Protein backbone atom coordinates (compact mmCIF):
# COMPACT_ATOMS: atom_id res chain seq x y z
CA MET A 1 -0.02 0.03 0.02
CA GLU A 2 1.43 3.39 -1.05
CA ALA A 3 2.39 5.62 1.88
CA LYS A 4 0.42 8.85 2.12
CA SER A 5 2.07 12.20 2.83
CA ILE A 6 0.41 14.02 5.78
CA TYR A 7 1.69 17.25 4.27
CA LYS A 8 -0.12 16.58 0.95
CA GLN A 9 -3.24 15.37 2.73
CA PHE A 10 -3.27 18.50 4.84
CA TYR A 11 -2.94 21.13 2.16
CA THR A 12 -5.29 19.14 -0.19
CA LYS A 13 -7.97 19.14 2.41
CA LEU A 14 -7.32 22.80 3.29
CA ILE A 15 -7.67 23.73 -0.42
CA ILE A 16 -10.90 21.74 -0.78
CA ALA A 17 -12.36 23.23 2.44
CA THR A 18 -11.35 26.80 1.45
CA SER A 19 -12.72 26.37 -2.06
CA LEU A 20 -16.06 24.98 -0.78
CA PHE A 21 -16.16 27.93 1.66
CA ILE A 22 -15.60 30.44 -1.14
CA ILE A 23 -18.18 28.79 -3.42
CA THR A 24 -20.74 28.67 -0.59
CA LEU A 25 -19.94 32.25 0.37
CA SER A 26 -20.41 33.34 -3.32
CA PHE A 27 -23.74 31.67 -3.53
CA ILE A 28 -24.88 33.18 -0.25
CA PHE A 29 -23.71 36.60 -1.47
CA TYR A 30 -25.51 36.10 -4.74
CA GLU A 31 -28.78 35.09 -3.08
CA TYR A 32 -28.55 37.96 -0.62
CA THR A 33 -27.79 40.52 -3.25
CA LYS A 34 -30.60 39.15 -5.54
CA THR A 35 -33.10 39.22 -2.66
CA THR A 36 -32.05 42.76 -1.70
CA VAL A 37 -32.35 44.08 -5.26
CA TYR A 38 -35.74 42.31 -5.78
CA GLU A 39 -37.07 43.58 -2.48
CA ASN A 40 -36.08 47.15 -3.50
CA ILE A 41 -37.92 46.78 -6.80
CA GLN A 42 -41.00 45.40 -5.06
CA GLU A 43 -40.91 48.19 -2.51
CA LYS A 44 -40.75 50.75 -5.31
CA MET A 45 -43.68 49.01 -7.13
CA LEU A 46 -45.75 48.91 -3.97
CA GLN A 47 -45.01 52.56 -3.35
CA ASP A 48 -46.22 53.43 -6.89
CA ALA A 49 -49.35 51.33 -6.37
CA LYS A 50 -50.17 53.17 -3.07
CA GLU A 51 -49.82 56.54 -4.76
CA ILE A 52 -52.30 55.45 -7.49
CA TYR A 53 -54.62 54.11 -4.85
CA LEU A 54 -54.60 57.48 -3.08
CA ILE A 55 -55.47 59.15 -6.36
CA SER A 56 -58.33 56.64 -6.77
CA LEU A 57 -59.90 57.81 -3.47
CA ASN A 58 -60.43 61.27 -4.89
CA LYS A 59 -61.30 60.20 -8.35
CA LYS A 60 -63.10 56.91 -9.01
CA LEU A 61 -60.97 54.93 -11.43
CA THR A 62 -62.50 52.65 -14.07
CA LYS A 63 -61.11 51.01 -17.12
CA GLN A 64 -62.75 53.74 -19.16
CA ASN A 65 -61.11 56.69 -17.38
CA PHE A 66 -57.78 54.99 -16.47
CA LYS A 67 -55.07 55.41 -18.97
CA PRO A 68 -52.75 52.34 -18.96
CA ILE A 69 -48.95 52.73 -19.10
CA ILE A 70 -47.27 50.14 -21.19
CA ASN A 71 -43.59 50.11 -22.30
CA ASP A 72 -40.62 47.72 -22.38
CA ASP A 73 -39.70 48.33 -18.71
CA ILE A 74 -43.04 48.66 -16.95
CA SER A 75 -46.75 48.33 -17.49
CA ILE A 76 -49.54 49.63 -15.29
CA GLU A 77 -53.25 48.78 -15.94
CA LEU A 78 -56.53 48.05 -14.23
CA ILE A 79 -57.86 44.49 -14.21
CA SER A 80 -60.91 42.81 -12.67
CA ASN A 81 -60.51 39.07 -13.33
CA VAL A 82 -58.82 38.31 -9.95
CA ASN A 83 -60.15 37.75 -6.42
CA ILE A 84 -57.63 38.66 -3.71
CA LYS A 85 -57.97 40.73 -0.50
CA LYS A 86 -54.30 41.77 -0.11
CA HIS A 87 -51.65 42.75 -2.59
CA LYS A 88 -49.46 39.89 -4.02
CA PHE A 89 -46.25 39.69 -5.95
CA TYR A 90 -45.50 37.15 -8.67
CA MET A 91 -42.35 36.38 -10.73
CA TYR A 92 -42.67 35.01 -14.20
CA ASN A 93 -40.86 35.01 -17.59
CA LYS A 94 -42.29 35.55 -21.00
CA ASN A 95 -40.46 35.35 -24.31
CA LYS A 96 -37.14 35.08 -22.38
CA ASN A 97 -37.96 38.23 -20.45
CA TYR A 98 -38.32 38.16 -16.68
CA TYR A 99 -40.91 40.19 -14.78
CA ILE A 100 -42.18 40.95 -11.27
CA LYS A 101 -45.92 41.33 -11.18
CA LEU A 102 -47.87 43.23 -8.47
CA ILE A 103 -51.65 42.85 -8.03
CA TYR A 104 -52.94 45.63 -5.75
CA PRO A 105 -56.58 45.95 -4.75
CA ILE A 106 -58.10 49.36 -5.56
CA ASP A 107 -61.77 48.69 -4.95
CA ILE A 108 -62.44 45.13 -3.78
CA SER A 109 -66.24 45.51 -3.79
CA ASN A 110 -66.21 46.39 -7.51
CA LYS A 111 -63.29 44.06 -8.29
CA GLN A 112 -60.99 46.81 -9.33
CA TYR A 113 -57.32 45.79 -9.14
CA LEU A 114 -54.14 47.46 -10.23
CA GLN A 115 -51.65 45.36 -12.08
CA ILE A 116 -48.03 46.51 -12.32
CA ASN A 117 -45.47 44.46 -14.37
CA ARG A 118 -41.82 45.37 -13.93
CA ASN A 119 -39.20 44.07 -16.37
CA ILE A 120 -36.13 42.84 -14.36
CA ASN A 121 -33.84 41.73 -17.20
CA PHE A 122 -31.39 44.51 -16.49
CA GLU A 123 -31.10 43.60 -12.82
CA ARG A 124 -30.79 39.87 -13.58
CA ASN A 125 -28.06 40.49 -16.11
CA LEU A 126 -26.27 42.85 -13.77
CA LEU A 127 -26.31 40.23 -11.01
CA SER A 128 -25.03 37.55 -13.38
CA SER A 129 -22.30 39.84 -14.57
CA ILE A 130 -21.16 40.57 -11.01
CA ILE A 131 -21.31 37.04 -9.76
CA PHE A 132 -20.50 34.79 -12.70
CA LYS A 133 -18.15 37.03 -14.66
CA ASN A 134 -16.35 39.46 -12.45
CA LEU A 135 -16.32 37.06 -9.44
CA PHE A 136 -14.97 34.25 -11.67
CA ILE A 137 -12.20 36.48 -12.98
CA LEU A 138 -11.31 37.41 -9.39
CA ALA A 139 -11.55 33.76 -8.31
CA ILE A 140 -8.51 32.84 -10.44
CA PRO A 141 -5.94 34.98 -8.62
CA GLY A 142 -7.91 34.29 -5.35
CA PHE A 143 -7.49 30.51 -5.91
CA ILE A 144 -3.75 31.02 -6.64
CA LEU A 145 -3.44 33.01 -3.36
CA MET A 146 -5.42 30.31 -1.54
CA LEU A 147 -3.13 27.68 -2.92
CA LEU A 148 -0.01 29.50 -1.79
CA TYR A 149 -1.57 30.22 1.58
CA SER A 150 -2.61 26.53 2.05
CA LEU A 151 1.03 25.42 1.23
CA ALA A 152 2.45 28.05 3.70
CA VAL A 153 0.00 27.11 6.45
CA SER A 154 0.58 23.39 5.94
CA LYS A 155 4.33 23.82 6.21
CA SER A 156 3.92 26.07 9.26
CA LEU A 157 1.69 23.62 11.05
CA LEU A 158 3.77 20.64 10.20
CA LYS A 159 7.00 22.34 11.18
CA PRO A 160 6.80 21.01 14.85
CA ILE A 161 6.36 17.49 13.59
CA ILE A 162 9.31 17.82 11.19
CA GLN A 163 11.32 19.28 14.07
CA ILE A 164 10.42 16.31 16.39
CA ASN A 165 11.02 13.81 13.63
CA LYS A 166 14.42 15.29 12.86
CA LYS A 167 15.30 15.12 16.55
CA LEU A 168 14.22 11.47 16.78
CA SER A 169 16.01 10.45 13.61
CA ASN A 170 19.33 11.63 15.06
CA MET A 171 18.89 9.59 18.23
CA ASP A 172 20.18 6.09 18.95
CA GLU A 173 20.69 4.19 22.19
CA SER A 174 24.03 5.87 22.83
CA SER A 175 22.77 9.46 22.21
CA LEU A 176 19.34 9.88 23.72
CA THR A 177 18.44 13.56 24.18
CA GLN A 178 15.42 15.47 25.41
CA ILE A 179 13.08 17.34 23.11
CA ASP A 180 13.03 21.05 23.96
CA LYS A 181 9.45 22.26 24.39
CA LYS A 182 10.43 25.93 24.31
CA ASP A 183 10.06 26.28 20.54
CA LEU A 184 7.06 23.96 20.23
CA PRO A 185 3.36 25.01 20.18
CA ILE A 186 1.50 24.12 23.37
CA GLU A 187 -0.50 21.45 21.48
CA PHE A 188 2.71 19.41 21.03
CA HIS A 189 3.81 19.62 24.68
CA SER A 190 1.94 16.47 25.59
CA LEU A 191 3.60 14.62 22.72
CA SER A 192 7.10 15.89 23.61
CA ASN A 193 6.49 14.98 27.28
CA SER A 194 5.54 11.41 26.24
CA ILE A 195 8.64 11.13 23.98
CA ASN A 196 10.87 12.59 26.72
CA SER A 197 9.45 10.11 29.22
CA LEU A 198 9.99 7.27 26.74
CA THR A 199 13.63 8.25 26.05
CA ASN A 200 14.24 8.45 29.82
CA ARG A 201 12.85 4.94 30.19
CA ILE A 202 14.91 3.68 27.27
CA GLU A 203 18.01 5.34 28.66
CA THR A 204 17.44 3.80 32.07
CA TYR A 205 16.69 0.46 30.48
CA VAL A 206 19.84 0.47 28.32
CA LYS A 207 21.90 1.45 31.35
CA PHE A 208 20.50 -1.21 33.52
CA LYS A 209 20.79 -3.75 30.73
CA LYS A 210 24.52 -3.03 30.43
CA GLU A 211 24.91 -3.25 34.16
CA LEU A 212 22.92 -6.51 34.15
CA PHE A 213 25.16 -8.13 31.53
CA ILE A 214 28.31 -6.95 33.18
CA GLY A 215 27.01 -8.01 36.62
CA ALA A 216 25.75 -11.40 35.33
CA ALA A 217 29.14 -12.09 33.79
CA HIS A 218 30.91 -11.16 37.00
CA GLU A 219 28.56 -13.05 39.27
CA LEU A 220 28.76 -16.19 37.21
CA LYS A 221 32.53 -15.88 36.65
CA THR A 222 33.32 -15.69 40.40
CA PRO A 223 31.80 -19.00 41.50
CA LEU A 224 33.27 -20.70 38.40
CA ALA A 225 36.71 -19.37 39.33
CA VAL A 226 36.25 -20.57 42.92
CA MET A 227 35.15 -24.04 41.74
CA LYS A 228 38.07 -24.23 39.34
CA LEU A 229 40.65 -23.16 41.86
CA LYS A 230 39.29 -25.41 44.63
CA THR A 231 39.23 -28.47 42.25
CA GLU A 232 42.65 -27.80 40.93
CA VAL A 233 44.11 -27.53 44.46
CA THR A 234 42.27 -30.71 45.43
CA LEU A 235 43.64 -32.66 42.47
CA ARG A 236 47.32 -31.70 42.97
CA LYS A 237 47.79 -34.56 45.32
CA LYS A 238 45.94 -37.39 46.87
CA ARG A 239 43.78 -36.43 49.73
CA GLU A 240 41.41 -37.87 52.29
CA VAL A 241 37.89 -38.68 51.23
CA GLU A 242 36.62 -35.85 53.45
CA ALA A 243 38.71 -33.30 51.34
CA TYR A 244 37.10 -34.46 48.14
CA GLU A 245 33.63 -34.43 49.76
CA GLU A 246 34.31 -30.81 50.87
CA THR A 247 35.27 -29.82 47.35
CA LEU A 248 32.25 -31.49 45.85
CA LYS A 249 29.92 -29.86 48.41
CA LEU A 250 31.43 -26.48 47.62
CA THR A 251 30.96 -27.12 43.88
CA VAL A 252 27.31 -28.11 44.53
CA LYS A 253 26.67 -24.97 46.57
CA GLN A 254 28.22 -22.79 43.90
CA ILE A 255 26.10 -24.50 41.23
CA ASP A 256 22.99 -23.98 43.31
CA ASP A 257 23.85 -20.27 43.66
CA MET A 258 24.39 -19.96 39.92
CA ASN A 259 21.09 -21.72 39.25
CA ILE A 260 19.36 -19.18 41.46
CA MET A 261 21.03 -16.43 39.53
CA ILE A 262 20.10 -17.92 36.16
CA SER A 263 16.52 -18.23 37.34
CA SER A 264 16.48 -14.60 38.33
CA ILE A 265 17.85 -13.61 34.92
CA LEU A 266 15.16 -15.79 33.24
CA ASP A 267 12.64 -14.00 35.37
CA ILE A 268 13.75 -10.78 33.73
CA GLY A 269 12.91 -12.24 30.32
CA ARG A 270 9.53 -13.37 31.56
CA ALA A 271 9.00 -9.90 33.10
CA GLU A 272 9.65 -8.27 29.76
CA GLY A 273 7.11 -10.61 28.18
CA ALA A 274 4.58 -9.72 30.81
CA GLN A 275 4.75 -6.08 29.64
CA PHE A 276 2.64 -7.25 26.66
CA GLU A 277 0.09 -8.93 28.83
CA GLN A 278 -3.54 -7.91 28.35
CA THR A 279 -5.16 -5.88 31.18
CA VAL A 280 -7.59 -7.59 33.38
CA ASP A 281 -10.59 -6.01 35.11
CA LEU A 282 -10.44 -6.59 38.86
CA ASP A 283 -11.39 -5.19 42.28
CA LEU A 284 -8.00 -4.04 43.54
CA VAL A 285 -9.10 -4.01 47.19
CA GLU A 286 -10.20 -7.70 47.00
CA TYR A 287 -7.04 -8.58 45.07
CA LEU A 288 -4.81 -7.09 47.75
CA LYS A 289 -6.79 -8.72 50.49
CA LYS A 290 -6.26 -12.12 48.82
CA LYS A 291 -2.56 -11.48 48.29
CA SER A 292 -2.14 -10.36 51.94
CA ASN A 293 -3.59 -13.70 53.07
CA ASP A 294 -1.24 -15.54 50.78
CA TYR A 295 1.77 -13.61 52.11
CA ARG A 296 0.79 -14.52 55.70
CA MET A 297 1.81 -18.13 55.02
CA LEU A 298 5.32 -16.88 54.14
CA SER A 299 5.52 -14.63 57.22
CA ALA A 300 4.21 -17.28 59.59
CA GLN A 301 7.72 -18.94 59.84
CA LYS A 302 9.06 -15.75 61.50
CA ASN A 303 5.84 -15.10 63.39
CA ILE A 304 5.46 -11.76 61.56
CA ILE A 305 1.99 -10.28 61.40
CA ILE A 306 0.80 -8.86 58.03
CA THR A 307 -2.17 -6.46 58.07
CA PHE A 308 -3.98 -4.80 55.19
CA PHE A 309 -5.67 -1.33 55.20
CA SER A 310 -7.61 0.54 52.52
CA ASN A 311 -9.40 3.85 52.42
CA VAL A 312 -12.02 2.53 50.00
CA ASN A 313 -14.14 -0.67 50.15
CA THR A 314 -13.95 -1.45 46.42
CA LEU A 315 -11.79 -0.15 43.61
CA ASN A 316 -12.68 -1.51 40.16
CA THR A 317 -9.91 -1.01 37.65
CA SER A 318 -8.04 -2.59 34.81
CA MET A 319 -4.51 -3.81 35.44
CA GLN A 320 -1.68 -6.04 34.06
CA VAL A 321 -1.82 -8.45 37.03
CA THR A 322 1.53 -10.23 36.40
CA LEU A 323 3.44 -6.98 36.53
CA LEU A 324 1.49 -5.80 39.67
CA ASN A 325 2.22 -9.09 41.33
CA GLN A 326 5.97 -8.91 40.59
CA ILE A 327 6.16 -5.53 42.41
CA LEU A 328 4.05 -6.54 45.39
CA GLN A 329 5.80 -9.90 45.81
CA ASN A 330 9.19 -8.29 45.79
CA PHE A 331 8.16 -5.62 48.27
CA VAL A 332 6.62 -8.15 50.67
CA GLN A 333 9.44 -10.75 50.33
CA ASN A 334 12.07 -8.08 51.11
CA ALA A 335 9.96 -6.83 54.04
CA ILE A 336 9.75 -10.38 55.46
CA LYS A 337 13.46 -10.94 54.79
CA PHE A 338 14.62 -7.87 56.64
CA THR A 339 11.96 -7.77 59.45
CA PRO A 340 12.93 -9.51 62.65
CA GLU A 341 10.74 -12.19 64.22
CA ASN A 342 7.57 -11.18 66.07
CA LYS A 343 7.31 -7.87 64.28
CA ALA A 344 4.66 -6.54 61.81
CA ILE A 345 4.28 -5.59 58.18
CA ALA A 346 1.47 -3.31 56.94
CA ILE A 347 0.10 -3.28 53.35
CA ARG A 348 -1.85 -0.15 52.55
CA LEU A 349 -4.02 0.96 49.64
CA LYS A 350 -4.91 4.64 49.24
CA LYS A 351 -7.12 5.92 46.54
CA THR A 352 -7.14 9.64 45.63
CA LYS A 353 -8.60 11.51 42.70
CA ALA A 354 -5.30 11.54 40.85
CA ARG A 355 -3.44 8.47 42.11
CA ILE A 356 -3.54 4.96 43.54
CA VAL A 357 -0.85 4.45 46.14
CA ILE A 358 0.14 1.01 47.57
CA THR A 359 2.70 0.86 50.32
CA VAL A 360 4.40 -1.98 52.18
CA THR A 361 5.76 -0.89 55.60
CA ASP A 362 8.19 -3.09 57.56
CA GLU A 363 9.96 -2.93 60.94
CA GLY A 364 13.37 -3.87 59.56
CA GLN A 365 16.77 -2.24 59.87
CA GLY A 366 16.16 0.49 57.27
CA ILE A 367 18.34 1.24 54.23
CA ASP A 368 21.06 3.57 53.06
CA GLU A 369 19.10 5.89 50.79
CA LYS A 370 22.22 6.92 48.90
CA ILE A 371 22.46 3.42 47.33
CA ASP A 372 20.58 2.81 44.12
CA LEU A 373 18.75 -0.33 45.14
CA PHE A 374 17.05 -0.67 41.76
CA ALA A 375 20.20 -1.33 39.84
CA PRO A 376 20.93 -4.99 38.99
CA PHE A 377 23.00 -7.07 41.51
CA LYS A 378 22.68 -4.38 44.24
CA ARG A 379 22.48 -6.08 47.60
CA TYR A 380 21.89 -4.53 51.00
CA GLY A 381 22.58 -6.11 54.37
CA ASN A 382 23.83 -9.57 55.10
CA GLN A 383 20.76 -11.38 53.80
CA SER A 384 21.12 -13.74 50.93
CA GLY A 385 19.95 -12.93 47.43
CA VAL A 386 20.95 -12.28 43.91
CA GLY A 387 20.11 -8.56 43.87
CA LEU A 388 17.73 -8.59 40.90
CA GLY A 389 14.38 -8.35 42.66
CA LEU A 390 14.04 -4.62 42.81
CA PHE A 391 15.49 -4.33 39.32
CA LEU A 392 12.60 -6.57 38.16
CA ALA A 393 10.14 -4.46 40.22
CA LYS A 394 11.46 -1.25 38.62
CA ASN A 395 11.05 -2.64 35.16
CA ALA A 396 7.49 -3.82 35.97
CA ALA A 397 6.60 -0.35 37.34
CA ASP A 398 7.95 1.32 34.20
CA ALA A 399 5.79 -1.00 32.09
CA LEU A 400 2.75 0.09 34.13
CA SER A 401 3.71 3.73 33.76
CA ALA A 402 4.00 3.81 37.51
CA ARG A 403 6.67 4.89 40.03
CA ILE A 404 8.24 2.91 42.87
CA SER A 405 10.43 3.99 45.68
CA ILE A 406 11.96 2.76 48.96
CA LYS A 407 12.52 5.14 51.85
CA ASN A 408 13.15 4.89 55.52
CA ARG A 409 10.23 5.43 57.88
CA LYS A 410 9.66 9.00 59.17
CA ASP A 411 7.55 8.05 62.22
CA GLY A 412 10.42 7.47 64.62
CA LYS A 413 10.46 3.69 64.04
CA LYS A 414 13.04 1.65 62.25
CA GLY A 415 12.10 0.11 58.97
CA CYS A 416 11.27 0.98 55.31
CA ILE A 417 8.28 2.04 53.26
CA ALA A 418 8.21 0.51 49.80
CA LYS A 419 5.73 2.64 47.65
CA LEU A 420 3.99 2.01 44.35
CA VAL A 421 2.28 5.02 42.75
CA ILE A 422 -0.08 4.46 39.82
CA ASN A 423 -1.59 7.50 38.07
CA ASN A 424 -5.28 7.45 37.30
CA THR A 425 -5.49 7.55 33.50
CA SER A 426 -9.07 6.46 33.36
CA PRO A 427 -12.15 6.81 35.62
CA LEU A 428 -12.10 4.22 38.38
CA LYS A 429 -15.23 3.02 40.24
CA ASN A 430 -14.82 3.01 44.03
CA SER A 431 -16.86 3.23 47.18
């Protein structure tokens, strides 16, 4: 299918629209002028008829004493073969001549009527000359000016799109820049904001991908080096069975750790696939209640109490559940991991007009807020883990066009608040 130029489409439609407007305006002008001219003629005819009527009041007019006036332009005569109570105008043509006829009652009781015929050929020809000759001659340069104007307006209106397109065509993953809104019309600010947001996400994604590949290579290379060195040392000379067993156990442990890391890397691939998942309609309050009950089975081993709070009873929305679950599961698993036994974790849902906010508050040791916990292979504390959980959560939040953050508590207690903020892009039903 042949590609269509928006530039050509735009100025073509502008030319058609302007031409139709000019044609319509010409017909309106013609009809208005014609009506005005004919109304003036009728007004003059009516005025003449009234003057004759006033004369008839002083002198009784009859066909015998009334002298008709008949020439090429106007005819005035008395007639009696009609039956009307009020004056009437008629338009007719005869022998290619056009007339306006006025029937005016002089003496209704005696059926005396005044008939005035006015030739309007001159007026009709004058109107035709103005509209269909002079206007047509003026229409040619007018159409040329309209064509030039349409081309200029099309280029002017498409200039921001060309500017944005030029900016995007010069970008690649190594040179992502922001689009400056200063020189763009306000109608394009939303588009430039979306593009700038997308380039920020791509830049972050590329950066984290590079860190992921480098980190994965390093994290896999280290245990392999340990296994190789330990095996080489063990094989240099004969040893007791316990020494071989120790080496094999170390190898198994390192392999298990690498399997965990490989599974986490595979989770990243699955998470990227989940970004294309169809949205599902659900009651977010009921969903979080169910998930909270599921998480209580994980927290029971450390006797940690998980509670759920919401400022609304129901919240019907549409969501990519897999992505939401990746974020919640990571928040809660980290909270359970870093919260001591016999403490509590609170899951909260807050609905406002502009946002949906989900928080997971723990009673752990807190974090160093200077560390970028969302980078791949970033670990905090002495707990085990690969360091990819929050990286996955961040990617899932980006796919939901949401924001996540982890901050220390500000209420005087130790612990963290993991927060997910989702903007309301469509009306949500809640109660």
